[in-house]
mmCIF file of all heavy atoms, coordinates in Angstrom:
data_MODEL
# 
_entry.id   MODEL 
# 
loop_
_atom_site.group_PDB 
_atom_site.id 
_atom_site.type_symbol 
_atom_site.label_atom_id 
_atom_site.label_alt_id 
_atom_site.label_comp_id 
_atom_site.label_asym_id 
_atom_site.label_entity_id 
_atom_site.label_seq_id 
_atom_site.pdbx_PDB_ins_code 
_atom_site.Cartn_x 
_atom_site.Cartn_y 
_atom_site.Cartn_z 
_atom_site.occupancy 
_atom_site.B_iso_or_equiv 
_atom_site.pdbx_formal_charge 
_atom_site.auth_seq_id 
_atom_site.auth_comp_id 
_atom_site.auth_asym_id 
_atom_site.auth_atom_id 
_atom_site.pdbx_PDB_model_num 
ATOM 1   N N   . GLU A 1 1  ? -31.168 -12.041 -1.923  1.00 0.00 ? 1  GLU A N   1 
ATOM 2   C CA  . GLU A 1 1  ? -30.822 -11.568 -3.198  1.00 0.00 ? 1  GLU A CA  1 
ATOM 3   C C   . GLU A 1 1  ? -29.704 -12.135 -3.925  1.00 0.00 ? 1  GLU A C   1 
ATOM 4   O O   . GLU A 1 1  ? -28.590 -12.451 -3.177  1.00 0.00 ? 1  GLU A O   1 
ATOM 5   C CB  . GLU A 1 1  ? -30.790 -10.113 -3.147  1.00 0.00 ? 1  GLU A CB  1 
ATOM 6   C CG  . GLU A 1 1  ? -30.930 -9.386  -4.469  1.00 0.00 ? 1  GLU A CG  1 
ATOM 7   C CD  . GLU A 1 1  ? -31.155 -7.920  -4.355  1.00 0.00 ? 1  GLU A CD  1 
ATOM 8   O OE1 . GLU A 1 1  ? -30.526 -7.179  -3.519  1.00 0.00 ? 1  GLU A OE1 1 
ATOM 9   O OE2 . GLU A 1 1  ? -32.036 -7.438  -5.112  1.00 0.00 ? 1  GLU A OE2 1 
ATOM 10  N N   . ARG A 1 2  ? -29.882 -12.622 -5.124  1.00 0.00 ? 2  ARG A N   1 
ATOM 11  C CA  . ARG A 1 2  ? -28.741 -13.250 -5.862  1.00 0.00 ? 2  ARG A CA  1 
ATOM 12  C C   . ARG A 1 2  ? -27.812 -12.027 -6.332  1.00 0.00 ? 2  ARG A C   1 
ATOM 13  O O   . ARG A 1 2  ? -28.335 -11.108 -6.871  1.00 0.00 ? 2  ARG A O   1 
ATOM 14  C CB  . ARG A 1 2  ? -29.202 -13.966 -7.121  1.00 0.00 ? 2  ARG A CB  1 
ATOM 15  C CG  . ARG A 1 2  ? -29.971 -15.163 -6.652  1.00 0.00 ? 2  ARG A CG  1 
ATOM 16  C CD  . ARG A 1 2  ? -30.553 -16.001 -7.881  1.00 0.00 ? 2  ARG A CD  1 
ATOM 17  N NE  . ARG A 1 2  ? -29.556 -16.264 -8.828  1.00 0.00 ? 2  ARG A NE  1 
ATOM 18  C CZ  . ARG A 1 2  ? -29.525 -16.088 -10.123 1.00 0.00 ? 2  ARG A CZ  1 
ATOM 19  N NH1 . ARG A 1 2  ? -30.649 -15.579 -10.605 1.00 0.00 ? 2  ARG A NH1 1 
ATOM 20  N NH2 . ARG A 1 2  ? -28.609 -16.391 -10.982 1.00 0.00 ? 2  ARG A NH2 1 
ATOM 21  N N   . VAL A 1 3  ? -26.457 -12.227 -6.027  1.00 0.00 ? 3  VAL A N   1 
ATOM 22  C CA  . VAL A 1 3  ? -25.613 -11.084 -6.445  1.00 0.00 ? 3  VAL A CA  1 
ATOM 23  C C   . VAL A 1 3  ? -24.391 -11.664 -7.249  1.00 0.00 ? 3  VAL A C   1 
ATOM 24  O O   . VAL A 1 3  ? -24.177 -12.776 -7.390  1.00 0.00 ? 3  VAL A O   1 
ATOM 25  C CB  . VAL A 1 3  ? -25.020 -10.430 -5.140  1.00 0.00 ? 3  VAL A CB  1 
ATOM 26  C CG1 . VAL A 1 3  ? -26.132 -9.778  -4.291  1.00 0.00 ? 3  VAL A CG1 1 
ATOM 27  C CG2 . VAL A 1 3  ? -24.180 -11.398 -4.365  1.00 0.00 ? 3  VAL A CG2 1 
ATOM 28  N N   . ALA A 1 4  ? -23.843 -10.596 -8.005  1.00 0.00 ? 4  ALA A N   1 
ATOM 29  C CA  . ALA A 1 4  ? -22.574 -10.788 -8.725  1.00 0.00 ? 4  ALA A CA  1 
ATOM 30  C C   . ALA A 1 4  ? -21.749 -9.506  -8.534  1.00 0.00 ? 4  ALA A C   1 
ATOM 31  O O   . ALA A 1 4  ? -22.238 -8.527  -8.014  1.00 0.00 ? 4  ALA A O   1 
ATOM 32  C CB  . ALA A 1 4  ? -22.925 -10.964 -10.173 1.00 0.00 ? 4  ALA A CB  1 
ATOM 33  N N   . VAL A 1 5  ? -20.547 -9.577  -8.810  1.00 0.00 ? 5  VAL A N   1 
ATOM 34  C CA  . VAL A 1 5  ? -19.638 -8.455  -8.569  1.00 0.00 ? 5  VAL A CA  1 
ATOM 35  C C   . VAL A 1 5  ? -19.140 -7.829  -9.757  1.00 0.00 ? 5  VAL A C   1 
ATOM 36  O O   . VAL A 1 5  ? -18.629 -8.572  -10.677 1.00 0.00 ? 5  VAL A O   1 
ATOM 37  C CB  . VAL A 1 5  ? -18.355 -8.904  -7.712  1.00 0.00 ? 5  VAL A CB  1 
ATOM 38  C CG1 . VAL A 1 5  ? -17.407 -7.785  -7.438  1.00 0.00 ? 5  VAL A CG1 1 
ATOM 39  C CG2 . VAL A 1 5  ? -18.790 -9.584  -6.500  1.00 0.00 ? 5  VAL A CG2 1 
ATOM 40  N N   . LEU A 1 6  ? -19.317 -6.549  -9.995  1.00 0.00 ? 6  LEU A N   1 
ATOM 41  C CA  . LEU A 1 6  ? -18.687 -5.843  -11.137 1.00 0.00 ? 6  LEU A CA  1 
ATOM 42  C C   . LEU A 1 6  ? -17.326 -5.392  -10.741 1.00 0.00 ? 6  LEU A C   1 
ATOM 43  O O   . LEU A 1 6  ? -17.018 -4.920  -9.687  1.00 0.00 ? 6  LEU A O   1 
ATOM 44  C CB  . LEU A 1 6  ? -19.506 -4.553  -11.352 1.00 0.00 ? 6  LEU A CB  1 
ATOM 45  C CG  . LEU A 1 6  ? -18.933 -3.713  -12.555 1.00 0.00 ? 6  LEU A CG  1 
ATOM 46  C CD1 . LEU A 1 6  ? -18.803 -4.356  -13.877 1.00 0.00 ? 6  LEU A CD1 1 
ATOM 47  C CD2 . LEU A 1 6  ? -19.738 -2.355  -12.625 1.00 0.00 ? 6  LEU A CD2 1 
ATOM 48  N N   . GLY A 1 7  ? -16.311 -5.724  -11.605 1.00 0.00 ? 7  GLY A N   1 
ATOM 49  C CA  . GLY A 1 7  ? -14.961 -5.430  -11.400 1.00 0.00 ? 7  GLY A CA  1 
ATOM 50  C C   . GLY A 1 7  ? -14.096 -5.327  -12.602 1.00 0.00 ? 7  GLY A C   1 
ATOM 51  O O   . GLY A 1 7  ? -14.580 -5.516  -13.683 1.00 0.00 ? 7  GLY A O   1 
ATOM 52  N N   . ARG A 1 8  ? -12.815 -5.069  -12.272 1.00 0.00 ? 8  ARG A N   1 
ATOM 53  C CA  . ARG A 1 8  ? -11.884 -5.010  -13.300 1.00 0.00 ? 8  ARG A CA  1 
ATOM 54  C C   . ARG A 1 8  ? -12.294 -4.126  -14.428 1.00 0.00 ? 8  ARG A C   1 
ATOM 55  O O   . ARG A 1 8  ? -12.009 -4.397  -15.643 1.00 0.00 ? 8  ARG A O   1 
ATOM 56  C CB  . ARG A 1 8  ? -11.490 -6.394  -13.798 1.00 0.00 ? 8  ARG A CB  1 
ATOM 57  C CG  . ARG A 1 8  ? -10.768 -7.194  -12.790 1.00 0.00 ? 8  ARG A CG  1 
ATOM 58  C CD  . ARG A 1 8  ? -10.812 -8.680  -13.006 1.00 0.00 ? 8  ARG A CD  1 
ATOM 59  N NE  . ARG A 1 8  ? -9.948  -9.474  -12.205 1.00 0.00 ? 8  ARG A NE  1 
ATOM 60  C CZ  . ARG A 1 8  ? -10.097 -9.773  -10.880 1.00 0.00 ? 8  ARG A CZ  1 
ATOM 61  N NH1 . ARG A 1 8  ? -11.071 -9.316  -10.274 1.00 0.00 ? 8  ARG A NH1 1 
ATOM 62  N NH2 . ARG A 1 8  ? -9.225  -10.517 -10.219 1.00 0.00 ? 8  ARG A NH2 1 
ATOM 63  N N   . LEU A 1 9  ? -12.846 -2.946  -14.106 1.00 0.00 ? 9  LEU A N   1 
ATOM 64  C CA  . LEU A 1 9  ? -13.466 -1.960  -15.016 1.00 0.00 ? 9  LEU A CA  1 
ATOM 65  C C   . LEU A 1 9  ? -12.314 -0.925  -15.173 1.00 0.00 ? 9  LEU A C   1 
ATOM 66  O O   . LEU A 1 9  ? -12.049 -0.266  -14.195 1.00 0.00 ? 9  LEU A O   1 
ATOM 67  C CB  . LEU A 1 9  ? -14.703 -1.440  -14.614 1.00 0.00 ? 9  LEU A CB  1 
ATOM 68  C CG  . LEU A 1 9  ? -15.490 -0.669  -15.625 1.00 0.00 ? 9  LEU A CG  1 
ATOM 69  C CD1 . LEU A 1 9  ? -16.978 -0.658  -15.354 1.00 0.00 ? 9  LEU A CD1 1 
ATOM 70  C CD2 . LEU A 1 9  ? -15.064 0.746   -15.813 1.00 0.00 ? 9  LEU A CD2 1 
ATOM 71  N N   . PHE A 1 10 ? -11.833 -0.700  -16.377 1.00 0.00 ? 10 PHE A N   1 
ATOM 72  C CA  . PHE A 1 10 ? -10.924 0.338   -16.620 1.00 0.00 ? 10 PHE A CA  1 
ATOM 73  C C   . PHE A 1 10 ? -11.005 0.782   -18.048 1.00 0.00 ? 10 PHE A C   1 
ATOM 74  O O   . PHE A 1 10 ? -11.497 0.004   -18.909 1.00 0.00 ? 10 PHE A O   1 
ATOM 75  C CB  . PHE A 1 10 ? -9.494  -0.136  -16.297 1.00 0.00 ? 10 PHE A CB  1 
ATOM 76  C CG  . PHE A 1 10 ? -8.983  -1.282  -17.081 1.00 0.00 ? 10 PHE A CG  1 
ATOM 77  C CD1 . PHE A 1 10 ? -8.398  -1.157  -18.262 1.00 0.00 ? 10 PHE A CD1 1 
ATOM 78  C CD2 . PHE A 1 10 ? -9.136  -2.600  -16.599 1.00 0.00 ? 10 PHE A CD2 1 
ATOM 79  C CE1 . PHE A 1 10 ? -7.950  -2.317  -19.064 1.00 0.00 ? 10 PHE A CE1 1 
ATOM 80  C CE2 . PHE A 1 10 ? -8.653  -3.747  -17.247 1.00 0.00 ? 10 PHE A CE2 1 
ATOM 81  C CZ  . PHE A 1 10 ? -8.090  -3.539  -18.511 1.00 0.00 ? 10 PHE A CZ  1 
ATOM 82  N N   . VAL A 1 11 ? -10.553 2.082   -18.347 1.00 0.00 ? 11 VAL A N   1 
ATOM 83  C CA  . VAL A 1 11 ? -10.473 2.644   -19.594 1.00 0.00 ? 11 VAL A CA  1 
ATOM 84  C C   . VAL A 1 11 ? -9.155  3.309   -19.762 1.00 0.00 ? 11 VAL A C   1 
ATOM 85  O O   . VAL A 1 11 ? -8.767  3.980   -18.775 1.00 0.00 ? 11 VAL A O   1 
ATOM 86  C CB  . VAL A 1 11 ? -11.591 3.564   -19.891 1.00 0.00 ? 11 VAL A CB  1 
ATOM 87  C CG1 . VAL A 1 11 ? -11.439 4.272   -21.152 1.00 0.00 ? 11 VAL A CG1 1 
ATOM 88  C CG2 . VAL A 1 11 ? -13.000 2.983   -19.776 1.00 0.00 ? 11 VAL A CG2 1 
ATOM 89  N N   . LEU A 1 12 ? -8.452  3.190   -20.843 1.00 0.00 ? 12 LEU A N   1 
ATOM 90  C CA  . LEU A 1 12 ? -7.174  3.865   -21.167 1.00 0.00 ? 12 LEU A CA  1 
ATOM 91  C C   . LEU A 1 12 ? -7.315  5.373   -20.933 1.00 0.00 ? 12 LEU A C   1 
ATOM 92  O O   . LEU A 1 12 ? -8.458  5.823   -21.401 1.00 0.00 ? 12 LEU A O   1 
ATOM 93  C CB  . LEU A 1 12 ? -6.698  3.545   -22.526 1.00 0.00 ? 12 LEU A CB  1 
ATOM 94  C CG  . LEU A 1 12 ? -5.956  2.186   -22.716 1.00 0.00 ? 12 LEU A CG  1 
ATOM 95  C CD1 . LEU A 1 12 ? -5.736  2.059   -24.228 1.00 0.00 ? 12 LEU A CD1 1 
ATOM 96  C CD2 . LEU A 1 12 ? -4.772  2.104   -21.889 1.00 0.00 ? 12 LEU A CD2 1 
ATOM 97  N N   . PRO A 1 13 ? -6.417  6.066   -20.380 1.00 0.00 ? 13 PRO A N   1 
ATOM 98  C CA  . PRO A 1 13 ? -6.526  7.520   -20.112 1.00 0.00 ? 13 PRO A CA  1 
ATOM 99  C C   . PRO A 1 13 ? -6.928  8.342   -21.502 1.00 0.00 ? 13 PRO A C   1 
ATOM 100 O O   . PRO A 1 13 ? -7.704  9.111   -21.477 1.00 0.00 ? 13 PRO A O   1 
ATOM 101 C CB  . PRO A 1 13 ? -5.208  7.876   -19.647 1.00 0.00 ? 13 PRO A CB  1 
ATOM 102 C CG  . PRO A 1 13 ? -4.685  6.696   -18.941 1.00 0.00 ? 13 PRO A CG  1 
ATOM 103 C CD  . PRO A 1 13 ? -5.113  5.514   -19.781 1.00 0.00 ? 13 PRO A CD  1 
ATOM 104 N N   . GLU A 1 14 ? -6.270  7.933   -22.527 1.00 0.00 ? 14 GLU A N   1 
ATOM 105 C CA  . GLU A 1 14 ? -6.450  8.656   -23.803 1.00 0.00 ? 14 GLU A CA  1 
ATOM 106 C C   . GLU A 1 14 ? -7.772  8.271   -24.450 1.00 0.00 ? 14 GLU A C   1 
ATOM 107 O O   . GLU A 1 14 ? -8.297  9.029   -25.364 1.00 0.00 ? 14 GLU A O   1 
ATOM 108 C CB  . GLU A 1 14 ? -5.311  8.328   -24.762 1.00 0.00 ? 14 GLU A CB  1 
ATOM 109 C CG  . GLU A 1 14 ? -5.219  6.872   -25.201 1.00 0.00 ? 14 GLU A CG  1 
ATOM 110 C CD  . GLU A 1 14 ? -4.268  6.113   -24.371 1.00 0.00 ? 14 GLU A CD  1 
ATOM 111 O OE1 . GLU A 1 14 ? -4.078  6.521   -23.254 1.00 0.00 ? 14 GLU A OE1 1 
ATOM 112 O OE2 . GLU A 1 14 ? -3.691  5.110   -24.866 1.00 0.00 ? 14 GLU A OE2 1 
ATOM 113 N N   . ALA A 1 15 ? -8.560  7.344   -23.924 1.00 0.00 ? 15 ALA A N   1 
ATOM 114 C CA  . ALA A 1 15 ? -9.853  6.902   -24.457 1.00 0.00 ? 15 ALA A CA  1 
ATOM 115 C C   . ALA A 1 15 ? -11.032 7.498   -23.514 1.00 0.00 ? 15 ALA A C   1 
ATOM 116 O O   . ALA A 1 15 ? -12.121 7.128   -23.758 1.00 0.00 ? 15 ALA A O   1 
ATOM 117 C CB  . ALA A 1 15 ? -9.939  5.445   -24.675 1.00 0.00 ? 15 ALA A CB  1 
ATOM 118 N N   . ARG A 1 16 ? -10.638 8.192   -22.499 1.00 0.00 ? 16 ARG A N   1 
ATOM 119 C CA  . ARG A 1 16 ? -11.610 8.721   -21.544 1.00 0.00 ? 16 ARG A CA  1 
ATOM 120 C C   . ARG A 1 16 ? -12.380 9.881   -22.138 1.00 0.00 ? 16 ARG A C   1 
ATOM 121 O O   . ARG A 1 16 ? -11.782 10.424  -22.908 1.00 0.00 ? 16 ARG A O   1 
ATOM 122 C CB  . ARG A 1 16 ? -10.998 9.004   -20.206 1.00 0.00 ? 16 ARG A CB  1 
ATOM 123 C CG  . ARG A 1 16 ? -10.479 7.666   -19.526 1.00 0.00 ? 16 ARG A CG  1 
ATOM 124 C CD  . ARG A 1 16 ? -9.676  7.958   -18.181 1.00 0.00 ? 16 ARG A CD  1 
ATOM 125 N NE  . ARG A 1 16 ? -9.167  6.663   -17.779 1.00 0.00 ? 16 ARG A NE  1 
ATOM 126 C CZ  . ARG A 1 16 ? -8.232  6.500   -16.959 1.00 0.00 ? 16 ARG A CZ  1 
ATOM 127 N NH1 . ARG A 1 16 ? -7.614  7.616   -16.447 1.00 0.00 ? 16 ARG A NH1 1 
ATOM 128 N NH2 . ARG A 1 16 ? -7.677  5.372   -16.653 1.00 0.00 ? 16 ARG A NH2 1 
ATOM 129 N N   . GLY A 1 17 ? -13.475 10.161  -21.566 1.00 0.00 ? 17 GLY A N   1 
ATOM 130 C CA  . GLY A 1 17 ? -14.276 11.260  -22.088 1.00 0.00 ? 17 GLY A CA  1 
ATOM 131 C C   . GLY A 1 17 ? -15.216 10.872  -23.153 1.00 0.00 ? 17 GLY A C   1 
ATOM 132 O O   . GLY A 1 17 ? -15.931 11.814  -23.697 1.00 0.00 ? 17 GLY A O   1 
ATOM 133 N N   . TYR A 1 18 ? -15.335 9.653   -23.484 1.00 0.00 ? 18 TYR A N   1 
ATOM 134 C CA  . TYR A 1 18 ? -16.312 9.195   -24.518 1.00 0.00 ? 18 TYR A CA  1 
ATOM 135 C C   . TYR A 1 18 ? -17.368 8.290   -23.992 1.00 0.00 ? 18 TYR A C   1 
ATOM 136 O O   . TYR A 1 18 ? -17.953 7.447   -24.693 1.00 0.00 ? 18 TYR A O   1 
ATOM 137 C CB  . TYR A 1 18 ? -15.522 8.420   -25.661 1.00 0.00 ? 18 TYR A CB  1 
ATOM 138 C CG  . TYR A 1 18 ? -14.530 9.318   -26.378 1.00 0.00 ? 18 TYR A CG  1 
ATOM 139 C CD1 . TYR A 1 18 ? -13.187 9.235   -25.996 1.00 0.00 ? 18 TYR A CD1 1 
ATOM 140 C CD2 . TYR A 1 18 ? -15.064 10.298  -27.219 1.00 0.00 ? 18 TYR A CD2 1 
ATOM 141 C CE1 . TYR A 1 18 ? -12.321 10.095  -26.602 1.00 0.00 ? 18 TYR A CE1 1 
ATOM 142 C CE2 . TYR A 1 18 ? -14.063 11.104  -27.870 1.00 0.00 ? 18 TYR A CE2 1 
ATOM 143 C CZ  . TYR A 1 18 ? -12.665 11.061  -27.544 1.00 0.00 ? 18 TYR A CZ  1 
ATOM 144 O OH  . TYR A 1 18 ? -11.848 11.851  -28.157 1.00 0.00 ? 18 TYR A OH  1 
ATOM 145 N N   . ALA A 1 19 ? -17.551 8.221   -22.594 1.00 0.00 ? 19 ALA A N   1 
ATOM 146 C CA  . ALA A 1 19 ? -18.532 7.432   -21.848 1.00 0.00 ? 19 ALA A CA  1 
ATOM 147 C C   . ALA A 1 19 ? -18.228 5.992   -22.103 1.00 0.00 ? 19 ALA A C   1 
ATOM 148 O O   . ALA A 1 19 ? -19.161 5.160   -21.826 1.00 0.00 ? 19 ALA A O   1 
ATOM 149 C CB  . ALA A 1 19 ? -20.016 7.838   -22.359 1.00 0.00 ? 19 ALA A CB  1 
ATOM 150 N N   . LEU A 1 20 ? -17.117 5.580   -22.296 1.00 0.00 ? 20 LEU A N   1 
ATOM 151 C CA  . LEU A 1 20 ? -16.767 4.088   -22.417 1.00 0.00 ? 20 LEU A CA  1 
ATOM 152 C C   . LEU A 1 20 ? -16.915 3.404   -21.119 1.00 0.00 ? 20 LEU A C   1 
ATOM 153 O O   . LEU A 1 20 ? -17.392 2.227   -21.082 1.00 0.00 ? 20 LEU A O   1 
ATOM 154 C CB  . LEU A 1 20 ? -15.334 3.887   -22.996 1.00 0.00 ? 20 LEU A CB  1 
ATOM 155 C CG  . LEU A 1 20 ? -15.180 4.319   -24.469 1.00 0.00 ? 20 LEU A CG  1 
ATOM 156 C CD1 . LEU A 1 20 ? -13.804 4.188   -24.889 1.00 0.00 ? 20 LEU A CD1 1 
ATOM 157 C CD2 . LEU A 1 20 ? -16.142 3.616   -25.384 1.00 0.00 ? 20 LEU A CD2 1 
ATOM 158 N N   . GLY A 1 21 ? -16.381 4.001   -20.035 1.00 0.00 ? 21 GLY A N   1 
ATOM 159 C CA  . GLY A 1 21 ? -16.594 3.417   -18.686 1.00 0.00 ? 21 GLY A CA  1 
ATOM 160 C C   . GLY A 1 21 ? -18.074 3.192   -18.379 1.00 0.00 ? 21 GLY A C   1 
ATOM 161 O O   . GLY A 1 21 ? -18.511 2.274   -17.848 1.00 0.00 ? 21 GLY A O   1 
ATOM 162 N N   . GLU A 1 22 ? -18.901 4.239   -18.628 1.00 0.00 ? 22 GLU A N   1 
ATOM 163 C CA  . GLU A 1 22 ? -20.316 4.174   -18.484 1.00 0.00 ? 22 GLU A CA  1 
ATOM 164 C C   . GLU A 1 22 ? -20.952 3.044   -19.269 1.00 0.00 ? 22 GLU A C   1 
ATOM 165 O O   . GLU A 1 22 ? -21.759 2.332   -18.859 1.00 0.00 ? 22 GLU A O   1 
ATOM 166 C CB  . GLU A 1 22 ? -21.030 5.442   -18.779 1.00 0.00 ? 22 GLU A CB  1 
ATOM 167 C CG  . GLU A 1 22 ? -22.423 5.486   -18.656 1.00 0.00 ? 22 GLU A CG  1 
ATOM 168 C CD  . GLU A 1 22 ? -23.168 6.784   -18.855 1.00 0.00 ? 22 GLU A CD  1 
ATOM 169 O OE1 . GLU A 1 22 ? -22.494 7.872   -18.687 1.00 0.00 ? 22 GLU A OE1 1 
ATOM 170 O OE2 . GLU A 1 22 ? -24.414 6.769   -18.993 1.00 0.00 ? 22 GLU A OE2 1 
ATOM 171 N N   . ARG A 1 23 ? -20.550 2.956   -20.581 1.00 0.00 ? 23 ARG A N   1 
ATOM 172 C CA  . ARG A 1 23 ? -21.142 1.921   -21.492 1.00 0.00 ? 23 ARG A CA  1 
ATOM 173 C C   . ARG A 1 23 ? -20.723 0.523   -20.976 1.00 0.00 ? 23 ARG A C   1 
ATOM 174 O O   . ARG A 1 23 ? -21.547 -0.430  -20.956 1.00 0.00 ? 23 ARG A O   1 
ATOM 175 C CB  . ARG A 1 23 ? -20.663 2.122   -22.943 1.00 0.00 ? 23 ARG A CB  1 
ATOM 176 C CG  . ARG A 1 23 ? -21.318 3.438   -23.452 1.00 0.00 ? 23 ARG A CG  1 
ATOM 177 C CD  . ARG A 1 23 ? -20.825 3.803   -24.811 1.00 0.00 ? 23 ARG A CD  1 
ATOM 178 N NE  . ARG A 1 23 ? -21.022 2.604   -25.751 1.00 0.00 ? 23 ARG A NE  1 
ATOM 179 C CZ  . ARG A 1 23 ? -20.377 2.606   -26.924 1.00 0.00 ? 23 ARG A CZ  1 
ATOM 180 N NH1 . ARG A 1 23 ? -19.499 3.539   -27.165 1.00 0.00 ? 23 ARG A NH1 1 
ATOM 181 N NH2 . ARG A 1 23 ? -20.574 1.591   -27.719 1.00 0.00 ? 23 ARG A NH2 1 
ATOM 182 N N   . LEU A 1 24 ? -19.465 0.364   -20.491 1.00 0.00 ? 24 LEU A N   1 
ATOM 183 C CA  . LEU A 1 24 ? -19.119 -0.961  -19.954 1.00 0.00 ? 24 LEU A CA  1 
ATOM 184 C C   . LEU A 1 24 ? -19.923 -1.285  -18.719 1.00 0.00 ? 24 LEU A C   1 
ATOM 185 O O   . LEU A 1 24 ? -20.381 -2.476  -18.530 1.00 0.00 ? 24 LEU A O   1 
ATOM 186 C CB  . LEU A 1 24 ? -17.666 -0.963  -19.526 1.00 0.00 ? 24 LEU A CB  1 
ATOM 187 C CG  . LEU A 1 24 ? -16.612 -1.049  -20.697 1.00 0.00 ? 24 LEU A CG  1 
ATOM 188 C CD1 . LEU A 1 24 ? -15.223 -0.599  -20.401 1.00 0.00 ? 24 LEU A CD1 1 
ATOM 189 C CD2 . LEU A 1 24 ? -16.647 -2.395  -21.320 1.00 0.00 ? 24 LEU A CD2 1 
# 
């Protein structure tokens, strides 16, 4: 299987709770 790595995913604390991490 061909793979890639998801990483360096972060959201500022004050921007959390709006599903931005999920959308990224």
